[in-house]
């Protein structure tokens, strides 16, 4: 998958499932994450010394929402 830098999480395409709602996002069929920067897991591994520690990893991305055609 494309990524914008070595420290960037990959681009992603997710397909949605209906929940039967009627809100603003009800017609969305897919969401795509592109132009990512940052977001990869810290290099430090999980072990007994890091249990309970919160790792905040900044990232940015653009999201594209696709919706079904209106008839």
N, C-alpha and C. Protein backbone atom coordinates (compact mmCIF):
# COMPACT_ATOMS: atom_id res chain seq x y z
N UNK A 1 0.84 -1.18 0.00
CA UNK A 1 0.00 0.00 0.00
C UNK A 1 0.88 1.24 0.00
N UNK A 2 0.42 2.27 -0.65
CA UNK A 2 1.23 3.50 -0.65
C UNK A 2 1.33 4.11 0.74
N UNK A 3 2.41 4.84 0.95
CA UNK A 3 2.58 5.64 2.15
C UNK A 3 3.45 6.81 1.76
N UNK A 4 3.37 7.87 2.51
CA UNK A 4 4.08 9.08 2.13
C UNK A 4 5.48 9.18 2.70
N UNK A 5 5.81 8.43 3.73
CA UNK A 5 7.15 8.46 4.32
C UNK A 5 7.35 7.15 5.08
N UNK A 6 8.59 6.86 5.43
CA UNK A 6 8.88 5.62 6.15
C UNK A 6 8.17 5.54 7.49
N UNK A 7 7.88 6.70 8.10
CA UNK A 7 7.20 6.69 9.40
C UNK A 7 5.68 6.78 9.28
N UNK A 8 5.15 6.64 8.07
CA UNK A 8 3.71 6.81 7.86
C UNK A 8 2.98 5.48 7.85
N UNK A 9 1.80 5.48 8.47
CA UNK A 9 0.95 4.31 8.37
C UNK A 9 0.46 4.17 6.93
N UNK A 10 0.14 2.95 6.49
CA UNK A 10 -0.25 2.76 5.10
C UNK A 10 -1.59 3.41 4.75
N UNK A 11 -1.76 3.68 3.48
CA UNK A 11 -3.06 4.11 2.99
C UNK A 11 -4.02 2.94 3.19
N UNK A 12 -5.31 3.22 3.25
CA UNK A 12 -6.26 2.17 3.60
C UNK A 12 -7.59 2.44 2.91
N UNK A 13 -8.25 1.38 2.45
CA UNK A 13 -9.59 1.49 1.89
C UNK A 13 -10.49 0.53 2.66
N UNK A 14 -11.52 1.06 3.30
CA UNK A 14 -12.47 0.25 4.05
C UNK A 14 -13.84 0.34 3.40
N UNK A 15 -14.52 -0.80 3.34
CA UNK A 15 -15.88 -0.84 2.81
C UNK A 15 -16.83 -0.92 4.00
N UNK A 16 -17.93 -0.20 3.94
CA UNK A 16 -18.85 -0.12 5.06
C UNK A 16 -19.96 -1.15 4.97
N UNK A 17 -20.64 -1.31 6.10
CA UNK A 17 -21.85 -2.12 6.16
C UNK A 17 -22.95 -1.23 6.70
N UNK A 18 -24.14 -1.42 6.24
CA UNK A 18 -25.25 -0.60 6.70
C UNK A 18 -25.62 -0.96 8.14
N UNK A 19 -26.02 0.05 8.89
CA UNK A 19 -26.53 -0.18 10.25
C UNK A 19 -28.00 0.17 10.33
N UNK A 20 -28.57 0.53 9.17
CA UNK A 20 -29.99 0.85 9.12
C UNK A 20 -30.31 2.28 9.53
N UNK A 21 -29.28 3.06 9.82
CA UNK A 21 -29.51 4.44 10.23
C UNK A 21 -29.86 5.34 9.05
N UNK A 22 -30.24 6.56 9.37
CA UNK A 22 -30.61 7.51 8.32
C UNK A 22 -29.83 8.82 8.46
N UNK A 23 -28.73 8.79 9.16
CA UNK A 23 -27.95 10.00 9.38
C UNK A 23 -27.15 10.44 8.18
N UNK A 24 -26.33 11.44 8.40
CA UNK A 24 -25.55 12.06 7.33
C UNK A 24 -24.62 11.08 6.61
N UNK A 25 -24.11 10.09 7.32
CA UNK A 25 -23.18 9.12 6.71
C UNK A 25 -23.86 7.83 6.27
N UNK A 26 -25.18 7.78 6.30
CA UNK A 26 -25.91 6.55 5.98
C UNK A 26 -25.63 6.03 4.58
N UNK A 27 -25.37 6.90 3.61
CA UNK A 27 -25.13 6.47 2.24
C UNK A 27 -23.69 6.16 1.90
N UNK A 28 -22.79 6.26 2.87
CA UNK A 28 -21.37 6.01 2.62
C UNK A 28 -21.13 4.52 2.39
N UNK A 29 -20.41 4.20 1.32
CA UNK A 29 -20.11 2.81 0.98
C UNK A 29 -18.66 2.44 1.26
N UNK A 30 -17.76 3.44 1.24
CA UNK A 30 -16.33 3.19 1.47
C UNK A 30 -15.69 4.44 2.05
N UNK A 31 -14.61 4.22 2.80
CA UNK A 31 -13.80 5.31 3.35
C UNK A 31 -12.35 4.99 3.01
N UNK A 32 -11.65 5.97 2.44
CA UNK A 32 -10.25 5.77 2.07
C UNK A 32 -9.38 6.76 2.83
N UNK A 33 -8.27 6.24 3.43
CA UNK A 33 -7.28 7.07 4.11
C UNK A 33 -6.09 7.23 3.18
N UNK A 34 -5.72 8.48 2.86
CA UNK A 34 -4.60 8.74 1.96
C UNK A 34 -3.72 9.84 2.54
N UNK A 35 -2.59 10.10 1.88
CA UNK A 35 -1.64 11.14 2.26
C UNK A 35 -1.32 11.09 3.76
N UNK A 36 -0.86 9.94 4.20
CA UNK A 36 -0.57 9.73 5.61
C UNK A 36 0.82 10.24 5.98
N UNK A 37 0.93 10.74 7.19
CA UNK A 37 2.20 11.19 7.76
C UNK A 37 2.21 10.75 9.22
N UNK A 38 3.26 10.03 9.64
CA UNK A 38 3.34 9.57 11.02
C UNK A 38 2.42 8.39 11.28
N UNK A 39 2.24 8.06 12.56
CA UNK A 39 1.28 7.04 12.96
C UNK A 39 1.83 5.65 13.16
N UNK A 40 3.11 5.41 12.87
CA UNK A 40 3.64 4.06 13.08
C UNK A 40 3.89 3.83 14.57
N UNK A 41 3.86 2.58 14.97
CA UNK A 41 4.06 2.21 16.37
C UNK A 41 5.45 2.62 16.84
N UNK A 42 5.59 2.95 18.12
CA UNK A 42 6.90 3.29 18.66
C UNK A 42 7.88 2.13 18.51
N UNK A 43 9.17 2.44 18.40
CA UNK A 43 10.19 1.40 18.24
C UNK A 43 10.34 0.56 19.51
N UNK A 44 10.04 1.17 20.66
CA UNK A 44 10.16 0.45 21.93
C UNK A 44 9.13 -0.67 21.98
N UNK A 45 9.59 -1.87 22.35
CA UNK A 45 8.68 -3.01 22.39
C UNK A 45 7.90 -3.04 23.70
N UNK A 46 6.83 -3.79 23.70
CA UNK A 46 6.03 -3.98 24.91
C UNK A 46 6.71 -5.02 25.79
N UNK A 47 6.81 -4.72 27.07
CA UNK A 47 7.39 -5.65 28.04
C UNK A 47 6.87 -5.28 29.43
N UNK A 48 7.34 -5.96 30.46
CA UNK A 48 6.85 -5.69 31.81
C UNK A 48 7.08 -4.24 32.23
N UNK A 49 8.14 -3.65 31.78
CA UNK A 49 8.45 -2.26 32.16
C UNK A 49 7.51 -1.26 31.49
N UNK A 50 6.88 -1.64 30.41
CA UNK A 50 6.02 -0.69 29.70
C UNK A 50 4.52 -0.97 29.89
N UNK A 51 4.17 -1.96 30.70
CA UNK A 51 2.76 -2.27 30.93
C UNK A 51 2.05 -1.05 31.50
N UNK A 52 0.94 -0.71 30.92
CA UNK A 52 0.14 0.41 31.38
C UNK A 52 0.57 1.77 30.85
N UNK A 53 1.68 1.83 30.16
CA UNK A 53 2.16 3.09 29.59
C UNK A 53 1.34 3.42 28.35
N UNK A 54 0.99 4.67 28.21
CA UNK A 54 0.25 5.12 27.03
C UNK A 54 1.25 5.73 26.06
N UNK A 55 1.19 5.28 24.83
CA UNK A 55 2.05 5.84 23.77
C UNK A 55 1.17 6.65 22.83
N UNK A 56 1.41 7.93 22.76
CA UNK A 56 0.67 8.79 21.84
C UNK A 56 1.52 8.96 20.58
N UNK A 57 0.94 8.63 19.45
CA UNK A 57 1.67 8.67 18.18
C UNK A 57 0.92 9.60 17.23
N UNK A 58 1.44 10.79 17.02
CA UNK A 58 0.74 11.73 16.14
C UNK A 58 0.76 11.26 14.68
N UNK A 59 -0.32 11.54 14.00
CA UNK A 59 -0.36 11.29 12.56
C UNK A 59 -1.38 12.23 11.94
N UNK A 60 -1.25 12.37 10.64
CA UNK A 60 -2.26 13.10 9.89
C UNK A 60 -2.54 12.33 8.61
N UNK A 61 -3.73 12.53 8.10
CA UNK A 61 -4.14 11.86 6.87
C UNK A 61 -5.35 12.59 6.30
N UNK A 62 -5.63 12.34 5.06
CA UNK A 62 -6.85 12.82 4.44
C UNK A 62 -7.78 11.62 4.30
N UNK A 63 -9.05 11.85 4.48
CA UNK A 63 -10.05 10.79 4.36
C UNK A 63 -11.03 11.16 3.26
N UNK A 64 -11.32 10.19 2.39
CA UNK A 64 -12.28 10.36 1.31
C UNK A 64 -13.46 9.44 1.60
N UNK A 65 -14.66 9.99 1.56
CA UNK A 65 -15.86 9.21 1.79
C UNK A 65 -16.58 9.02 0.45
N UNK A 66 -16.85 7.76 0.11
CA UNK A 66 -17.56 7.44 -1.12
C UNK A 66 -18.99 7.06 -0.76
N UNK A 67 -19.93 7.54 -1.57
CA UNK A 67 -21.32 7.17 -1.32
C UNK A 67 -21.97 6.61 -2.56
N UNK A 68 -23.00 5.84 -2.36
CA UNK A 68 -23.68 5.24 -3.50
C UNK A 68 -24.40 6.31 -4.29
N UNK A 69 -24.58 6.02 -5.56
CA UNK A 69 -25.28 6.96 -6.44
C UNK A 69 -26.72 7.09 -6.02
N UNK A 70 -27.20 8.32 -6.09
CA UNK A 70 -28.61 8.57 -5.80
C UNK A 70 -29.40 8.30 -7.06
N UNK A 71 -30.50 7.57 -6.95
CA UNK A 71 -31.30 7.26 -8.15
C UNK A 71 -32.42 8.24 -8.34
